[in-house]
Amino acid sequence: MATTAVSISEIRKNLKKITDDVVDYDDHVIITKPQNRNVVLMSEKEFDSWKETLYLLGTEANRKELDESIKQVKEGHIKTLSKEEWDKMSHEN
């Protein structure tokens, strides 16, 4: 993954190649514009990942639950479920 900066003029000339590189190599491109009104170009997959992360960390309750889950994994307090066990648990709710 690389982050590069290109001018708006360069984007106009090479849009296909630049967008292909963004998708194929998970690159980020900073499109520089006058008066420091820059824009970042990233793949839809990367954008969706950022949105999900922001959602998960968006509330104090979620952050606490995630921290607790990470702590449990680090301490080895985990249980692996079979597909059947997971299906049974998910249908009980």
C-alpha atoms as a PDB file:
ATOM      1  CA  MET A   1       0.000   0.000   0.000  1.00  0.00           C
ATOM      2  CA  ALA A   2       1.341   3.391  -0.936  1.00  0.00           C
ATOM      3  CA  THR A   3       0.179   6.939  -0.594  1.00  0.00           C
ATOM      4  CA  THR A   4       1.054   9.297  -3.385  1.00  0.00           C
ATOM      5  CA  ALA A   5       0.134  12.865  -4.178  1.00  0.00           C
ATOM      6  CA  VAL A   6      -0.856  13.980  -7.666  1.00  0.00           C
ATOM      7  CA  SER A   7      -2.220  17.206  -9.030  1.00  0.00           C
ATOM      8  CA  ILE A   8      -5.742  17.551 -10.316  1.00  0.00           C
ATOM      9  CA  SER A   9      -4.224  17.969 -13.795  1.00  0.00           C
ATOM     10  CA  GLU A  10      -2.399  14.640 -13.470  1.00  0.00           C
ATOM     11  CA  ILE A  11      -5.631  12.937 -12.412  1.00  0.00           C
ATOM     12  CA  ARG A  12      -7.377  14.249 -15.498  1.00  0.00           C
ATOM     13  CA  LYS A  13      -4.625  12.846 -17.734  1.00  0.00           C
ATOM     14  CA  ASN A  14      -4.267   9.432 -16.063  1.00  0.00           C
ATOM     15  CA  LEU A  15      -7.561   8.684 -14.323  1.00  0.00           C
ATOM     16  CA  LYS A  16      -7.841   5.074 -15.515  1.00  0.00           C
ATOM     17  CA  LYS A  17      -4.301   4.051 -14.503  1.00  0.00           C
ATOM     18  CA  ILE A  18      -4.450   5.850 -11.173  1.00  0.00           C
ATOM     19  CA  THR A  19      -7.822   4.366 -10.240  1.00  0.00           C
ATOM     20  CA  ASP A  20      -6.677   0.899 -11.344  1.00  0.00           C
ATOM     21  CA  ASP A  21      -3.618   1.213  -9.073  1.00  0.00           C
ATOM     22  CA  VAL A  22      -5.819   2.336  -6.183  1.00  0.00           C
ATOM     23  CA  VAL A  23      -7.982  -0.782  -6.527  1.00  0.00           C
ATOM     24  CA  ASP A  24      -5.255  -3.276  -7.473  1.00  0.00           C
ATOM     25  CA  TYR A  25      -2.642  -2.252  -4.893  1.00  0.00           C
ATOM     26  CA  ASP A  26      -4.745  -0.661  -2.130  1.00  0.00           C
ATOM     27  CA  ASP A  27      -3.030   2.643  -2.837  1.00  0.00           C
ATOM     28  CA  HIS A  28      -4.277   5.968  -1.546  1.00  0.00           C
ATOM     29  CA  VAL A  29      -3.913   9.043  -3.706  1.00  0.00           C
ATOM     30  CA  ILE A  30      -3.985  12.593  -2.429  1.00  0.00           C
ATOM     31  CA  ILE A  31      -5.298  14.796  -5.199  1.00  0.00           C
ATOM     32  CA  THR A  32      -3.794  18.220  -4.645  1.00  0.00           C
ATOM     33  CA  LYS A  33      -5.899  21.239  -5.502  1.00  0.00           C
ATOM     34  CA  PRO A  34      -5.395  24.975  -5.197  1.00  0.00           C
ATOM     35  CA  GLN A  35      -5.853  26.593  -1.780  1.00  0.00           C
ATOM     36  CA  ASN A  36      -5.117  23.271  -0.051  1.00  0.00           C
ATOM     37  CA  ARG A  37      -8.565  21.851  -0.908  1.00  0.00           C
ATOM     38  CA  ASN A  38      -7.137  18.366  -1.328  1.00  0.00           C
ATOM     39  CA  VAL A  39      -9.084  15.150  -1.819  1.00  0.00           C
ATOM     40  CA  VAL A  40      -8.124  11.548  -0.979  1.00  0.00           C
ATOM     41  CA  LEU A  41      -8.898   8.769  -3.432  1.00  0.00           C
ATOM     42  CA  MET A  42      -9.259   5.205  -2.106  1.00  0.00           C
ATOM     43  CA  SER A  43     -10.968   2.009  -3.210  1.00  0.00           C
ATOM     44  CA  GLU A  44     -14.554   1.296  -2.283  1.00  0.00           C
ATOM     45  CA  LYS A  45     -13.357  -1.739  -0.296  1.00  0.00           C
ATOM     46  CA  GLU A  46     -11.042   0.475   1.754  1.00  0.00           C
ATOM     47  CA  PHE A  47     -13.760   3.101   2.222  1.00  0.00           C
ATOM     48  CA  ASP A  48     -16.220   0.466   3.476  1.00  0.00           C
ATOM     49  CA  SER A  49     -13.584  -0.788   5.916  1.00  0.00           C
ATOM     50  CA  TRP A  50     -13.065   2.736   7.294  1.00  0.00           C
ATOM     51  CA  LYS A  51     -16.827   3.216   7.682  1.00  0.00           C
ATOM     52  CA  GLU A  52     -17.143  -0.071   9.560  1.00  0.00           C
ATOM     53  CA  THR A  53     -14.271   0.836  11.881  1.00  0.00           C
ATOM     54  CA  LEU A  54     -15.756   4.259  12.599  1.00  0.00           C
ATOM     55  CA  TYR A  55     -19.126   2.651  13.312  1.00  0.00           C
ATOM     56  CA  LEU A  56     -17.632   0.071  15.678  1.00  0.00           C
ATOM     57  CA  LEU A  57     -15.644   2.701  17.551  1.00  0.00           C
ATOM     58  CA  GLY A  58     -18.434   5.272  17.385  1.00  0.00           C
ATOM     59  CA  THR A  59     -19.822   4.768  20.872  1.00  0.00           C
ATOM     60  CA  GLU A  60     -18.218   4.339  24.253  1.00  0.00           C
ATOM     61  CA  ALA A  61     -20.229   1.145  24.808  1.00  0.00           C
ATOM     62  CA  ASN A  62     -18.911  -0.436  21.592  1.00  0.00           C
ATOM     63  CA  ARG A  63     -15.331   0.549  22.422  1.00  0.00           C
ATOM     64  CA  LYS A  64     -15.626  -1.016  25.880  1.00  0.00           C
ATOM     65  CA  GLU A  65     -17.097  -4.242  24.472  1.00  0.00           C
ATOM     66  CA  LEU A  66     -14.343  -4.473  21.849  1.00  0.00           C
ATOM     67  CA  ASP A  67     -11.654  -3.842  24.481  1.00  0.00           C
ATOM     68  CA  GLU A  68     -13.168  -6.576  26.667  1.00  0.00           C
ATOM     69  CA  SER A  69     -13.245  -9.011  23.732  1.00  0.00           C
ATOM     70  CA  ILE A  70      -9.619  -8.282  22.869  1.00  0.00           C
ATOM     71  CA  LYS A  71      -8.660  -8.807  26.515  1.00  0.00           C
ATOM     72  CA  GLN A  72     -10.471 -12.172  26.575  1.00  0.00           C
ATOM     73  CA  VAL A  73      -8.659 -13.333  23.427  1.00  0.00           C
ATOM     74  CA  LYS A  74      -5.254 -12.265  24.798  1.00  0.00           C
ATOM     75  CA  GLU A  75      -5.947 -14.144  28.028  1.00  0.00           C
ATOM     76  CA  GLY A  76      -7.028 -17.251  26.129  1.00  0.00           C
ATOM     77  CA  HIS A  77     -10.649 -17.094  27.245  1.00  0.00           C
ATOM     78  CA  ILE A  78     -12.114 -18.125  23.920  1.00  0.00           C
ATOM     79  CA  LYS A  79     -14.273 -20.954  22.687  1.00  0.00           C
ATOM     80  CA  THR A  80     -14.403 -22.232  19.158  1.00  0.00           C
ATOM     81  CA  LEU A  81     -17.875 -23.143  17.966  1.00  0.00           C
ATOM     82  CA  SER A  82     -18.773 -25.566  15.239  1.00  0.00           C
ATOM     83  CA  LYS A  83     -21.094 -24.362  12.500  1.00  0.00           C
ATOM     84  CA  GLU A  84     -23.923 -26.322  14.097  1.00  0.00           C
ATOM     85  CA  GLU A  85     -23.299 -24.772  17.527  1.00  0.00           C
ATOM     86  CA  TRP A  86     -23.190 -21.278  15.991  1.00  0.00           C
ATOM     87  CA  ASP A  87     -26.406 -21.903  14.042  1.00  0.00           C
ATOM     88  CA  LYS A  88     -28.136 -23.141  17.181  1.00  0.00           C
ATOM     89  CA  MET A  89     -27.026 -20.126  19.219  1.00  0.00           C
ATOM     90  CA  SER A  90     -27.975 -17.640  16.515  1.00  0.00           C
ATOM     91  CA  HIS A  91     -31.463 -19.154  16.153  1.00  0.00           C
ATOM     92  CA  GLU A  92     -32.123 -19.028  19.898  1.00  0.00           C
ATOM     93  CA  ASN A  93     -32.053 -15.218  19.857  1.00  0.00           C
END
